[in-house]
PDB file of all heavy atoms in Angstrom:
ATOM      1  N   ALA A   1      18.403 -44.044 -73.892  1.00  0.00           N
ATOM      2  CA  ALA A   1      19.437 -45.074 -73.913  1.00  0.00           C
ATOM      3  C   ALA A   1      18.854 -46.485 -73.878  1.00  0.00           C
ATOM      4  O   ALA A   1      19.595 -47.460 -74.016  1.00  0.00           O
ATOM      5  CB  ALA A   1      20.393 -44.878 -72.738  1.00  0.00           C
ATOM      6  N   GLY A   2      17.536 -46.576 -73.685  1.00  0.00           N
ATOM      7  CA  GLY A   2      16.902 -47.890 -73.633  1.00  0.00           C
ATOM      8  C   GLY A   2      16.951 -48.547 -72.271  1.00  0.00           C
ATOM      9  O   GLY A   2      16.657 -49.742 -72.140  1.00  0.00           O
ATOM     10  N   TRP A   3      17.315 -47.771 -71.239  1.00  0.00           N
ATOM     11  CA  TRP A   3      17.333 -48.311 -69.869  1.00  0.00           C
ATOM     12  C   TRP A   3      15.950 -48.102 -69.264  1.00  0.00           C
ATOM     13  O   TRP A   3      15.726 -47.210 -68.436  1.00  0.00           O
ATOM     14  CB  TRP A   3      18.422 -47.616 -69.051  1.00  0.00           C
ATOM     15  CG  TRP A   3      19.778 -47.735 -69.674  1.00  0.00           C
ATOM     16  CD1 TRP A   3      20.271 -48.816 -70.356  1.00  0.00           C
ATOM     17  CD2 TRP A   3      20.815 -46.750 -69.705  1.00  0.00           C
ATOM     18  NE1 TRP A   3      21.540 -48.576 -70.806  1.00  0.00           N
ATOM     19  CE2 TRP A   3      21.918 -47.313 -70.420  1.00  0.00           C
ATOM     20  CE3 TRP A   3      20.940 -45.463 -69.205  1.00  0.00           C
ATOM     21  CZ2 TRP A   3      23.103 -46.620 -70.635  1.00  0.00           C
ATOM     22  CZ3 TRP A   3      22.117 -44.772 -69.423  1.00  0.00           C
ATOM     23  CH2 TRP A   3      23.184 -45.339 -70.119  1.00  0.00           C
ATOM     24  N   ILE A   4      15.031 -48.933 -69.651  1.00  0.00           N
ATOM     25  CA  ILE A   4      13.618 -48.707 -69.351  1.00  0.00           C
ATOM     26  C   ILE A   4      13.331 -48.787 -67.858  1.00  0.00           C
ATOM     27  O   ILE A   4      12.584 -47.962 -67.311  1.00  0.00           O
ATOM     28  CB  ILE A   4      12.738 -49.716 -70.123  1.00  0.00           C
ATOM     29  CG1 ILE A   4      13.126 -49.730 -71.604  1.00  0.00           C
ATOM     30  CG2 ILE A   4      11.269 -49.359 -69.953  1.00  0.00           C
ATOM     31  CD1 ILE A   4      13.102 -48.383 -72.258  1.00  0.00           C
ATOM     32  N   ASP A   5      13.909 -49.783 -67.179  1.00  0.00           N
ATOM     33  CA  ASP A   5      13.642 -49.931 -65.744  1.00  0.00           C
ATOM     34  C   ASP A   5      14.097 -48.697 -64.974  1.00  0.00           C
ATOM     35  O   ASP A   5      13.397 -48.217 -64.073  1.00  0.00           O
ATOM     36  CB  ASP A   5      14.341 -51.181 -65.204  1.00  0.00           C
ATOM     37  CG  ASP A   5      13.708 -52.473 -65.712  1.00  0.00           C
ATOM     38  OD1 ASP A   5      12.551 -52.414 -66.180  1.00  0.00           O
ATOM     39  OD2 ASP A   5      14.368 -53.525 -65.646  1.00  0.00           O
ATOM     40  N   ARG A   6      15.282 -48.190 -65.328  1.00  0.00           N
ATOM     41  CA  ARG A   6      15.781 -46.999 -64.644  1.00  0.00           C
ATOM     42  C   ARG A   6      14.910 -45.796 -64.953  1.00  0.00           C
ATOM     43  O   ARG A   6      14.604 -44.983 -64.063  1.00  0.00           O
ATOM     44  CB  ARG A   6      17.230 -46.713 -65.048  1.00  0.00           C
ATOM     45  CG  ARG A   6      18.215 -47.754 -64.601  1.00  0.00           C
ATOM     46  CD  ARG A   6      19.647 -47.350 -64.886  1.00  0.00           C
ATOM     47  NE  ARG A   6      20.081 -46.242 -64.024  1.00  0.00           N
ATOM     48  CZ  ARG A   6      21.326 -45.776 -64.004  1.00  0.00           C
ATOM     49  NH1 ARG A   6      22.248 -46.312 -64.814  1.00  0.00           N
ATOM     50  NH2 ARG A   6      21.658 -44.773 -63.211  1.00  0.00           N
ATOM     51  N   SER A   7      14.505 -45.679 -66.197  1.00  0.00           N
ATOM     52  CA  SER A   7      13.666 -44.547 -66.582  1.00  0.00           C
ATOM     53  C   SER A   7      12.341 -44.567 -65.828  1.00  0.00           C
ATOM     54  O   SER A   7      11.867 -43.529 -65.344  1.00  0.00           O
ATOM     55  CB  SER A   7      13.418 -44.576 -68.093  1.00  0.00           C
ATOM     56  OG  SER A   7      12.764 -43.403 -68.513  1.00  0.00           O
ATOM     57  N   MET A   8      11.736 -45.733 -65.715  1.00  0.00           N
ATOM     58  CA  MET A   8      10.471 -45.843 -64.984  1.00  0.00           C
ATOM     59  C   MET A   8      10.667 -45.568 -63.489  1.00  0.00           C
ATOM     60  O   MET A   8       9.798 -44.987 -62.836  1.00  0.00           O
ATOM     61  CB  MET A   8       9.861 -47.221 -65.199  1.00  0.00           C
ATOM     62  CG  MET A   8       9.318 -47.455 -66.606  1.00  0.00           C
ATOM     63  SD  MET A   8       7.911 -46.368 -67.000  1.00  0.00           S
ATOM     64  CE  MET A   8       6.632 -47.104 -65.978  1.00  0.00           C
ATOM     65  N   ALA A   9      11.817 -45.978 -62.950  1.00  0.00           N
ATOM     66  CA  ALA A   9      12.095 -45.703 -61.540  1.00  0.00           C
ATOM     67  C   ALA A   9      12.211 -44.198 -61.295  1.00  0.00           C
ATOM     68  O   ALA A   9      11.685 -43.666 -60.305  1.00  0.00           O
ATOM     69  CB  ALA A   9      13.376 -46.417 -61.107  1.00  0.00           C
ATOM     70  N   TYR A  10      12.892 -43.493 -62.208  1.00  0.00           N
ATOM     71  CA  TYR A  10      12.992 -42.036 -62.087  1.00  0.00           C
ATOM     72  C   TYR A  10      11.611 -41.393 -62.215  1.00  0.00           C
ATOM     73  O   TYR A  10      11.270 -40.457 -61.478  1.00  0.00           O
ATOM     74  CB  TYR A  10      13.920 -41.480 -63.172  1.00  0.00           C
ATOM     75  CG  TYR A  10      15.376 -41.827 -63.003  1.00  0.00           C
ATOM     76  CD1 TYR A  10      16.115 -42.342 -64.062  1.00  0.00           C
ATOM     77  CD2 TYR A  10      16.023 -41.617 -61.789  1.00  0.00           C
ATOM     78  CE1 TYR A  10      17.468 -42.660 -63.917  1.00  0.00           C
ATOM     79  CE2 TYR A  10      17.368 -41.927 -61.639  1.00  0.00           C
ATOM     80  CZ  TYR A  10      18.083 -42.453 -62.704  1.00  0.00           C
ATOM     81  OH  TYR A  10      19.414 -42.764 -62.558  1.00  0.00           O
ATOM     82  N   ALA A  11      10.811 -41.885 -63.161  1.00  0.00           N
ATOM     83  CA  ALA A  11       9.474 -41.327 -63.366  1.00  0.00           C
ATOM     84  C   ALA A  11       8.609 -41.544 -62.131  1.00  0.00           C
ATOM     85  O   ALA A  11       7.823 -40.664 -61.742  1.00  0.00           O
ATOM     86  CB  ALA A  11       8.820 -41.965 -64.593  1.00  0.00           C
ATOM     87  N   ASN A  12       8.758 -42.698 -61.503  1.00  0.00           N
ATOM     88  CA  ASN A  12       7.980 -42.990 -60.288  1.00  0.00           C
ATOM     89  C   ASN A  12       8.356 -42.030 -59.170  1.00  0.00           C
ATOM     90  O   ASN A  12       7.483 -41.491 -58.474  1.00  0.00           O
ATOM     91  CB  ASN A  12       8.229 -44.440 -59.867  1.00  0.00           C
ATOM     92  CG  ASN A  12       7.245 -44.913 -58.813  1.00  0.00           C
ATOM     93  OD1 ASN A  12       7.225 -44.391 -57.706  1.00  0.00           O
ATOM     94  ND2 ASN A  12       6.449 -45.906 -59.164  1.00  0.00           N
ATOM     95  N   ARG A  13       9.652 -41.790 -59.002  1.00  0.00           N
ATOM     96  CA  ARG A  13      10.097 -40.864 -57.952  1.00  0.00           C
ATOM     97  C   ARG A  13       9.584 -39.453 -58.232  1.00  0.00           C
ATOM     98  O   ARG A  13       9.169 -38.740 -57.309  1.00  0.00           O
ATOM     99  CB  ARG A  13      11.618 -40.863 -57.867  1.00  0.00           C
ATOM    100  CG  ARG A  13      12.219 -42.146 -57.326  1.00  0.00           C
ATOM    101  CD  ARG A  13      13.708 -41.972 -57.040  1.00  0.00           C
ATOM    102  NE  ARG A  13      14.315 -43.231 -56.609  1.00  0.00           N
ATOM    103  CZ  ARG A  13      15.012 -44.043 -57.382  1.00  0.00           C
ATOM    104  NH1 ARG A  13      15.196 -43.717 -58.655  1.00  0.00           N
ATOM    105  NH2 ARG A  13      15.532 -45.159 -56.923  1.00  0.00           N
ATOM    106  N   TYR A  14       9.654 -39.054 -59.497  1.00  0.00           N
ATOM    107  CA  TYR A  14       9.190 -37.706 -59.832  1.00  0.00           C
ATOM    108  C   TYR A  14       7.698 -37.576 -59.535  1.00  0.00           C
ATOM    109  O   TYR A  14       7.256 -36.567 -58.952  1.00  0.00           O
ATOM    110  CB  TYR A  14       9.457 -37.393 -61.303  1.00  0.00           C
ATOM    111  CG  TYR A  14       9.243 -35.930 -61.641  1.00  0.00           C
ATOM    112  CD1 TYR A  14      10.317 -35.063 -61.737  1.00  0.00           C
ATOM    113  CD2 TYR A  14       7.971 -35.407 -61.841  1.00  0.00           C
ATOM    114  CE1 TYR A  14      10.143 -33.719 -62.016  1.00  0.00           C
ATOM    115  CE2 TYR A  14       7.776 -34.069 -62.126  1.00  0.00           C
ATOM    116  CZ  TYR A  14       8.868 -33.230 -62.213  1.00  0.00           C
ATOM    117  OH  TYR A  14       8.666 -31.895 -62.480  1.00  0.00           O
ATOM    118  N   ALA A  15       6.918 -38.564 -59.936  1.00  0.00           N
ATOM    119  CA  ALA A  15       5.471 -38.497 -59.738  1.00  0.00           C
ATOM    120  C   ALA A  15       5.111 -38.455 -58.262  1.00  0.00           C
ATOM    121  O   ALA A  15       4.124 -37.817 -57.870  1.00  0.00           O
ATOM    122  CB  ALA A  15       4.806 -39.699 -60.408  1.00  0.00           C
ATOM    123  N   ARG A  16       5.895 -39.096 -57.438  1.00  0.00           N
ATOM    124  CA  ARG A  16       5.630 -39.092 -55.998  1.00  0.00           C
ATOM    125  C   ARG A  16       5.917 -37.728 -55.365  1.00  0.00           C
ATOM    126  O   ARG A  16       5.300 -37.379 -54.360  1.00  0.00           O
ATOM    127  CB  ARG A  16       6.488 -40.148 -55.301  1.00  0.00           C
ATOM    128  CG  ARG A  16       6.060 -41.596 -55.578  1.00  0.00           C
ATOM    129  CD  ARG A  16       7.080 -42.572 -54.984  1.00  0.00           C
ATOM    130  NE  ARG A  16       6.717 -43.952 -55.251  1.00  0.00           N
ATOM    131  CZ  ARG A  16       5.955 -44.695 -54.437  1.00  0.00           C
ATOM    132  NH1 ARG A  16       5.494 -44.173 -53.317  1.00  0.00           N
ATOM    133  NH2 ARG A  16       5.682 -45.942 -54.746  1.00  0.00           N
ATOM    134  N   ARG A  17       6.845 -36.974 -55.936  1.00  0.00           N
ATOM    135  CA  ARG A  17       7.345 -35.788 -55.229  1.00  0.00           C
ATOM    136  C   ARG A  17       7.040 -34.452 -55.895  1.00  0.00           C
ATOM    137  O   ARG A  17       6.879 -33.445 -55.213  1.00  0.00           O
ATOM    138  CB  ARG A  17       8.872 -35.912 -55.073  1.00  0.00           C
ATOM    139  CG  ARG A  17       9.309 -37.149 -54.324  1.00  0.00           C
ATOM    140  CD  ARG A  17      10.823 -37.241 -54.238  1.00  0.00           C
ATOM    141  NE  ARG A  17      11.257 -38.527 -53.700  1.00  0.00           N
ATOM    142  CZ  ARG A  17      12.513 -38.882 -53.492  1.00  0.00           C
ATOM    143  NH1 ARG A  17      13.469 -38.018 -53.799  1.00  0.00           N
ATOM    144  NH2 ARG A  17      12.811 -40.066 -53.009  1.00  0.00           N
ATOM    145  N   TYR A  18       6.999 -34.407 -57.235  1.00  0.00           N
ATOM    146  CA  TYR A  18       7.056 -33.104 -57.888  1.00  0.00           C
ATOM    147  C   TYR A  18       5.950 -32.858 -58.912  1.00  0.00           C
ATOM    148  O   TYR A  18       6.137 -32.058 -59.831  1.00  0.00           O
ATOM    149  CB  TYR A  18       8.424 -32.930 -58.568  1.00  0.00           C
ATOM    150  CG  TYR A  18       9.562 -32.914 -57.588  1.00  0.00           C
ATOM    151  CD1 TYR A  18      10.455 -33.988 -57.511  1.00  0.00           C
ATOM    152  CD2 TYR A  18       9.745 -31.843 -56.712  1.00  0.00           C
ATOM    153  CE1 TYR A  18      11.500 -33.978 -56.604  1.00  0.00           C
ATOM    154  CE2 TYR A  18      10.792 -31.833 -55.803  1.00  0.00           C
ATOM    155  CZ  TYR A  18      11.663 -32.907 -55.755  1.00  0.00           C
ATOM    156  OH  TYR A  18      12.687 -32.905 -54.839  1.00  0.00           O
ATOM    157  N   LEU A  19       4.815 -33.492 -58.754  1.00  0.00           N
ATOM    158  CA  LEU A  19       3.747 -33.283 -59.731  1.00  0.00           C
ATOM    159  C   LEU A  19       3.176 -31.870 -59.687  1.00  0.00           C
ATOM    160  O   LEU A  19       2.515 -31.436 -60.635  1.00  0.00           O
ATOM    161  CB  LEU A  19       2.617 -34.293 -59.507  1.00  0.00           C
ATOM    162  CG  LEU A  19       2.879 -35.709 -60.024  1.00  0.00           C
ATOM    163  CD1 LEU A  19       1.688 -36.602 -59.734  1.00  0.00           C
ATOM    164  CD2 LEU A  19       3.190 -35.702 -61.516  1.00  0.00           C
ATOM    165  N   ARG A  20       3.439 -31.147 -58.616  1.00  0.00           N
ATOM    166  CA  ARG A  20       2.946 -29.770 -58.519  1.00  0.00           C
ATOM    167  C   ARG A  20       4.011 -28.751 -58.933  1.00  0.00           C
ATOM    168  O   ARG A  20       3.811 -27.546 -58.801  1.00  0.00           O
ATOM    169  CB  ARG A  20       2.458 -29.485 -57.094  1.00  0.00           C
ATOM    170  CG  ARG A  20       1.253 -30.339 -56.694  1.00  0.00           C
ATOM    171  CD  ARG A  20       0.692 -29.901 -55.358  1.00  0.00           C
ATOM    172  NE  ARG A  20       0.190 -28.536 -55.415  1.00  0.00           N
ATOM    173  CZ  ARG A  20      -1.002 -28.189 -55.871  1.00  0.00           C
ATOM    174  NH1 ARG A  20      -1.831 -29.114 -56.327  1.00  0.00           N
ATOM    175  NH2 ARG A  20      -1.385 -26.931 -55.888  1.00  0.00           N
ATOM    176  N   SER A  21       5.126 -29.223 -59.421  1.00  0.00           N
ATOM    177  CA  SER A  21       6.169 -28.325 -59.918  1.00  0.00           C
ATOM    178  C   SER A  21       5.691 -27.618 -61.188  1.00  0.00           C
ATOM    179  O   SER A  21       4.935 -28.188 -61.982  1.00  0.00           O
ATOM    180  CB  SER A  21       7.435 -29.127 -60.242  1.00  0.00           C
ATOM    181  OG  SER A  21       8.324 -28.365 -61.037  1.00  0.00           O
ATOM    182  N   PRO A  22       6.129 -26.372 -61.414  1.00  0.00           N
ATOM    183  CA  PRO A  22       5.771 -25.692 -62.672  1.00  0.00           C
ATOM    184  C   PRO A  22       6.392 -26.372 -63.885  1.00  0.00           C
ATOM    185  O   PRO A  22       5.994 -26.089 -65.014  1.00  0.00           O
ATOM    186  CB  PRO A  22       6.318 -24.271 -62.486  1.00  0.00           C
ATOM    187  CG  PRO A  22       7.369 -24.394 -61.438  1.00  0.00           C
ATOM    188  CD  PRO A  22       6.915 -25.491 -60.527  1.00  0.00           C
ATOM    189  N   TYR A  23       7.365 -27.262 -63.665  1.00  0.00           N
ATOM    190  CA  TYR A  23       7.984 -27.993 -64.762  1.00  0.00           C
ATOM    191  C   TYR A  23       7.359 -29.368 -64.970  1.00  0.00           C
ATOM    192  O   TYR A  23       7.861 -30.161 -65.774  1.00  0.00           O
ATOM    193  CB  TYR A  23       9.485 -28.162 -64.502  1.00  0.00           C
ATOM    194  CG  TYR A  23      10.204 -26.880 -64.186  1.00  0.00           C
ATOM    195  CD1 TYR A  23      10.698 -26.639 -62.906  1.00  0.00           C
ATOM    196  CD2 TYR A  23      10.377 -25.903 -65.150  1.00  0.00           C
ATOM    197  CE1 TYR A  23      11.356 -25.455 -62.599  1.00  0.00           C
ATOM    198  CE2 TYR A  23      11.024 -24.722 -64.863  1.00  0.00           C
ATOM    199  CZ  TYR A  23      11.521 -24.498 -63.586  1.00  0.00           C
ATOM    200  OH  TYR A  23      12.159 -23.329 -63.290  1.00  0.00           O
ATOM    201  N   ALA A  24       6.278 -29.677 -64.266  1.00  0.00           N
ATOM    202  CA  ALA A  24       5.658 -31.000 -64.354  1.00  0.00           C
ATOM    203  C   ALA A  24       5.083 -31.277 -65.741  1.00  0.00           C
ATOM    204  O   ALA A  24       4.937 -32.440 -66.125  1.00  0.00           O
ATOM    205  CB  ALA A  24       4.566 -31.142 -63.296  1.00  0.00           C
ATOM    206  N   SER A  25       4.757 -30.240 -66.496  1.00  0.00           N
ATOM    207  CA  SER A  25       4.263 -30.447 -67.853  1.00  0.00           C
ATOM    208  C   SER A  25       5.349 -31.082 -68.722  1.00  0.00           C
ATOM    209  O   SER A  25       5.053 -31.916 -69.587  1.00  0.00           O
ATOM    210  CB  SER A  25       3.805 -29.121 -68.463  1.00  0.00           C
ATOM    211  OG  SER A  25       3.360 -29.303 -69.786  1.00  0.00           O
ATOM    212  N   GLN A  26       6.610 -30.704 -68.505  1.00  0.00           N
ATOM    213  CA  GLN A  26       7.706 -31.337 -69.233  1.00  0.00           C
ATOM    214  C   GLN A  26       7.832 -32.800 -68.830  1.00  0.00           C
ATOM    215  O   GLN A  26       8.112 -33.665 -69.666  1.00  0.00           O
ATOM    216  CB  GLN A  26       9.011 -30.591 -68.973  1.00  0.00           C
ATOM    217  CG  GLN A  26       9.065 -29.217 -69.606  1.00  0.00           C
ATOM    218  CD  GLN A  26      10.411 -28.551 -69.413  1.00  0.00           C
ATOM    219  OE1 GLN A  26      11.370 -29.191 -68.992  1.00  0.00           O
ATOM    220  NE2 GLN A  26      10.487 -27.269 -69.716  1.00  0.00           N
ATOM    221  N   PHE A  27       7.644 -33.077 -67.538  1.00  0.00           N
ATOM    222  CA  PHE A  27       7.653 -34.475 -67.095  1.00  0.00           C
ATOM    223  C   PHE A  27       6.566 -35.267 -67.810  1.00  0.00           C
ATOM    224  O   PHE A  27       6.797 -36.406 -68.237  1.00  0.00           O
ATOM    225  CB  PHE A  27       7.443 -34.545 -65.581  1.00  0.00           C
ATOM    226  CG  PHE A  27       6.983 -35.902 -65.107  1.00  0.00           C
ATOM    227  CD1 PHE A  27       7.855 -36.984 -65.115  1.00  0.00           C
ATOM    228  CD2 PHE A  27       5.679 -36.101 -64.684  1.00  0.00           C
ATOM    229  CE1 PHE A  27       7.430 -38.245 -64.694  1.00  0.00           C
ATOM    230  CE2 PHE A  27       5.245 -37.353 -64.273  1.00  0.00           C
ATOM    231  CZ  PHE A  27       6.125 -38.429 -64.278  1.00  0.00           C
ATOM    232  N   ALA A  28       5.379 -34.678 -67.941  1.00  0.00           N
ATOM    233  CA  ALA A  28       4.283 -35.370 -68.622  1.00  0.00           C
ATOM    234  C   ALA A  28       4.661 -35.692 -70.066  1.00  0.00           C
ATOM    235  O   ALA A  28       4.405 -36.802 -70.556  1.00  0.00           O
ATOM    236  CB  ALA A  28       3.015 -34.517 -68.580  1.00  0.00           C
ATOM    237  N   ASP A  29       5.284 -34.746 -70.765  1.00  0.00           N
ATOM    238  CA  ASP A  29       5.727 -34.992 -72.142  1.00  0.00           C
ATOM    239  C   ASP A  29       6.737 -36.133 -72.203  1.00  0.00           C
ATOM    240  O   ASP A  29       6.662 -37.007 -73.072  1.00  0.00           O
ATOM    241  CB  ASP A  29       6.352 -33.726 -72.727  1.00  0.00           C
ATOM    242  CG  ASP A  29       5.325 -32.654 -73.046  1.00  0.00           C
ATOM    243  OD1 ASP A  29       4.160 -33.018 -73.274  1.00  0.00           O
ATOM    244  OD2 ASP A  29       5.681 -31.468 -73.058  1.00  0.00           O
ATOM    245  N   LEU A  30       7.686 -36.125 -71.260  1.00  0.00           N
ATOM    246  CA  LEU A  30       8.716 -37.160 -71.250  1.00  0.00           C
ATOM    247  C   LEU A  30       8.119 -38.528 -70.927  1.00  0.00           C
ATOM    248  O   LEU A  30       8.506 -39.542 -71.523  1.00  0.00           O
ATOM    249  CB  LEU A  30       9.794 -36.807 -70.226  1.00  0.00           C
ATOM    250  CG  LEU A  30      10.654 -35.587 -70.553  1.00  0.00           C
ATOM    251  CD1 LEU A  30      11.520 -35.207 -69.353  1.00  0.00           C
ATOM    252  CD2 LEU A  30      11.531 -35.846 -71.763  1.00  0.00           C
ATOM    253  N   PHE A  31       7.184 -38.557 -69.989  1.00  0.00           N
ATOM    254  CA  PHE A  31       6.566 -39.821 -69.609  1.00  0.00           C
ATOM    255  C   PHE A  31       5.716 -40.380 -70.745  1.00  0.00           C
ATOM    256  O   PHE A  31       5.721 -41.594 -71.005  1.00  0.00           O
ATOM    257  CB  PHE A  31       5.713 -39.642 -68.354  1.00  0.00           C
ATOM    258  CG  PHE A  31       5.026 -40.901 -67.916  1.00  0.00           C
ATOM    259  CD1 PHE A  31       5.761 -41.990 -67.458  1.00  0.00           C
ATOM    260  CD2 PHE A  31       3.651 -41.016 -67.972  1.00  0.00           C
ATOM    261  CE1 PHE A  31       5.141 -43.161 -67.069  1.00  0.00           C
ATOM    262  CE2 PHE A  31       3.017 -42.184 -67.587  1.00  0.00           C
ATOM    263  CZ  PHE A  31       3.771 -43.260 -67.129  1.00  0.00           C
ATOM    264  N   VAL A  32       4.994 -39.509 -71.427  1.00  0.00           N
ATOM    265  CA  VAL A  32       4.186 -39.950 -72.573  1.00  0.00           C
ATOM    266  C   VAL A  32       5.083 -40.538 -73.649  1.00  0.00           C
ATOM    267  O   VAL A  32       4.794 -41.607 -74.210  1.00  0.00           O
ATOM    268  CB  VAL A  32       3.349 -38.774 -73.128  1.00  0.00           C
ATOM    269  CG1 VAL A  32       2.784 -39.115 -74.506  1.00  0.00           C
ATOM    270  CG2 VAL A  32       2.223 -38.436 -72.169  1.00  0.00           C
ATOM    271  N   LYS A  33       6.189 -39.868 -73.942  1.00  0.00           N
ATOM    272  CA  LYS A  33       7.113 -40.380 -74.955  1.00  0.00           C
ATOM    273  C   LYS A  33       7.720 -41.703 -74.521  1.00  0.00           C
ATOM    274  O   LYS A  33       7.892 -42.634 -75.331  1.00  0.00           O
ATOM    275  CB  LYS A  33       8.222 -39.353 -75.222  1.00  0.00           C
ATOM    276  CG  LYS A  33       9.123 -39.732 -76.400  1.00  0.00           C
ATOM    277  CD  LYS A  33      10.111 -38.632 -76.691  1.00  0.00           C
ATOM    278  CE  LYS A  33      10.892 -38.921 -77.967  1.00  0.00           C
ATOM    279  NZ  LYS A  33      11.709 -40.157 -77.856  1.00  0.00           N
ATOM    280  N   LEU A  34       8.062 -41.809 -73.242  1.00  0.00           N
ATOM    281  CA  LEU A  34       8.593 -43.056 -72.706  1.00  0.00           C
ATOM    282  C   LEU A  34       7.590 -44.193 -72.891  1.00  0.00           C
ATOM    283  O   LEU A  34       7.949 -45.290 -73.349  1.00  0.00           O
ATOM    284  CB  LEU A  34       8.924 -42.872 -71.220  1.00  0.00           C
ATOM    285  CG  LEU A  34       9.214 -44.133 -70.405  1.00  0.00           C
ATOM    286  CD1 LEU A  34      10.460 -44.843 -70.923  1.00  0.00           C
ATOM    287  CD2 LEU A  34       9.371 -43.778 -68.920  1.00  0.00           C
ATOM    288  N   ALA A  35       6.322 -43.942 -72.556  1.00  0.00           N
ATOM    289  CA  ALA A  35       5.295 -44.976 -72.662  1.00  0.00           C
ATOM    290  C   ALA A  35       5.048 -45.385 -74.114  1.00  0.00           C
ATOM    291  O   ALA A  35       4.876 -46.567 -74.421  1.00  0.00           O
ATOM    292  CB  ALA A  35       3.997 -44.482 -72.023  1.00  0.00           C
ATOM    293  N   VAL A  36       5.048 -44.405 -75.011  1.00  0.00           N
ATOM    294  CA  VAL A  36       4.771 -44.701 -76.423  1.00  0.00           C
ATOM    295  C   VAL A  36       5.960 -45.421 -77.070  1.00  0.00           C
ATOM    296  O   VAL A  36       5.790 -46.418 -77.768  1.00  0.00           O
ATOM    297  CB  VAL A  36       4.444 -43.408 -77.190  1.00  0.00           C
ATOM    298  CG1 VAL A  36       4.338 -43.690 -78.697  1.00  0.00           C
ATOM    299  CG2 VAL A  36       3.131 -42.815 -76.670  1.00  0.00           C
ATOM    300  N   ASP A  37       7.165 -44.937 -76.822  1.00  0.00           N
ATOM    301  CA  ASP A  37       8.352 -45.513 -77.458  1.00  0.00           C
ATOM    302  C   ASP A  37       8.630 -46.938 -76.985  1.00  0.00           C
ATOM    303  O   ASP A  37       9.143 -47.763 -77.743  1.00  0.00           O
ATOM    304  CB  ASP A  37       9.585 -44.650 -77.186  1.00  0.00           C
ATOM    305  CG  ASP A  37       9.561 -43.342 -77.962  1.00  0.00           C
ATOM    306  OD1 ASP A  37       8.681 -43.190 -78.833  1.00  0.00           O
ATOM    307  OD2 ASP A  37      10.407 -42.470 -77.682  1.00  0.00           O
ATOM    308  N   HIS A  38       8.299 -47.219 -75.717  1.00  0.00           N
ATOM    309  CA  HIS A  38       8.691 -48.509 -75.136  1.00  0.00           C
ATOM    310  C   HIS A  38       7.484 -49.286 -74.592  1.00  0.00           C
ATOM    311  O   HIS A  38       7.628 -50.052 -73.637  1.00  0.00           O
ATOM    312  CB  HIS A  38       9.714 -48.282 -74.012  1.00  0.00           C
ATOM    313  CG  HIS A  38      10.917 -47.503 -74.438  1.00  0.00           C
ATOM    314  ND1 HIS A  38      11.907 -48.039 -75.246  1.00  0.00           N
ATOM    315  CD2 HIS A  38      11.285 -46.215 -74.194  1.00  0.00           C
ATOM    316  CE1 HIS A  38      12.844 -47.123 -75.453  1.00  0.00           C
ATOM    317  NE2 HIS A  38      12.494 -46.014 -74.837  1.00  0.00           N
ATOM    318  N   PHE A  39       6.337 -49.097 -75.208  1.00  0.00           N
ATOM    319  CA  PHE A  39       5.117 -49.714 -74.712  1.00  0.00           C
ATOM    320  C   PHE A  39       5.234 -51.235 -74.643  1.00  0.00           C
ATOM    321  O   PHE A  39       4.778 -51.859 -73.683  1.00  0.00           O
ATOM    322  CB  PHE A  39       3.933 -49.313 -75.605  1.00  0.00           C
ATOM    323  CG  PHE A  39       2.641 -49.953 -75.204  1.00  0.00           C
ATOM    324  CD1 PHE A  39       2.050 -49.667 -73.982  1.00  0.00           C
ATOM    325  CD2 PHE A  39       1.998 -50.855 -76.050  1.00  0.00           C
ATOM    326  CE1 PHE A  39       0.852 -50.256 -73.604  1.00  0.00           C
ATOM    327  CE2 PHE A  39       0.803 -51.446 -75.684  1.00  0.00           C
ATOM    328  CZ  PHE A  39       0.228 -51.144 -74.458  1.00  0.00           C
TER     329      PHE A  39
END
C-alpha cells in the first residue's frame, strides 16, 4: 500500500521477536522485497 513507515515498524517488531520462527524465511523474502521496492 506504500505505507513504508508502518511496514518498517512491523518488520522491526518481527525481527525483535520471531527470527527463530519456522516462517522467518517468508519474513526475509518480504523484507527483501520491501527494501528493494522502496529503497
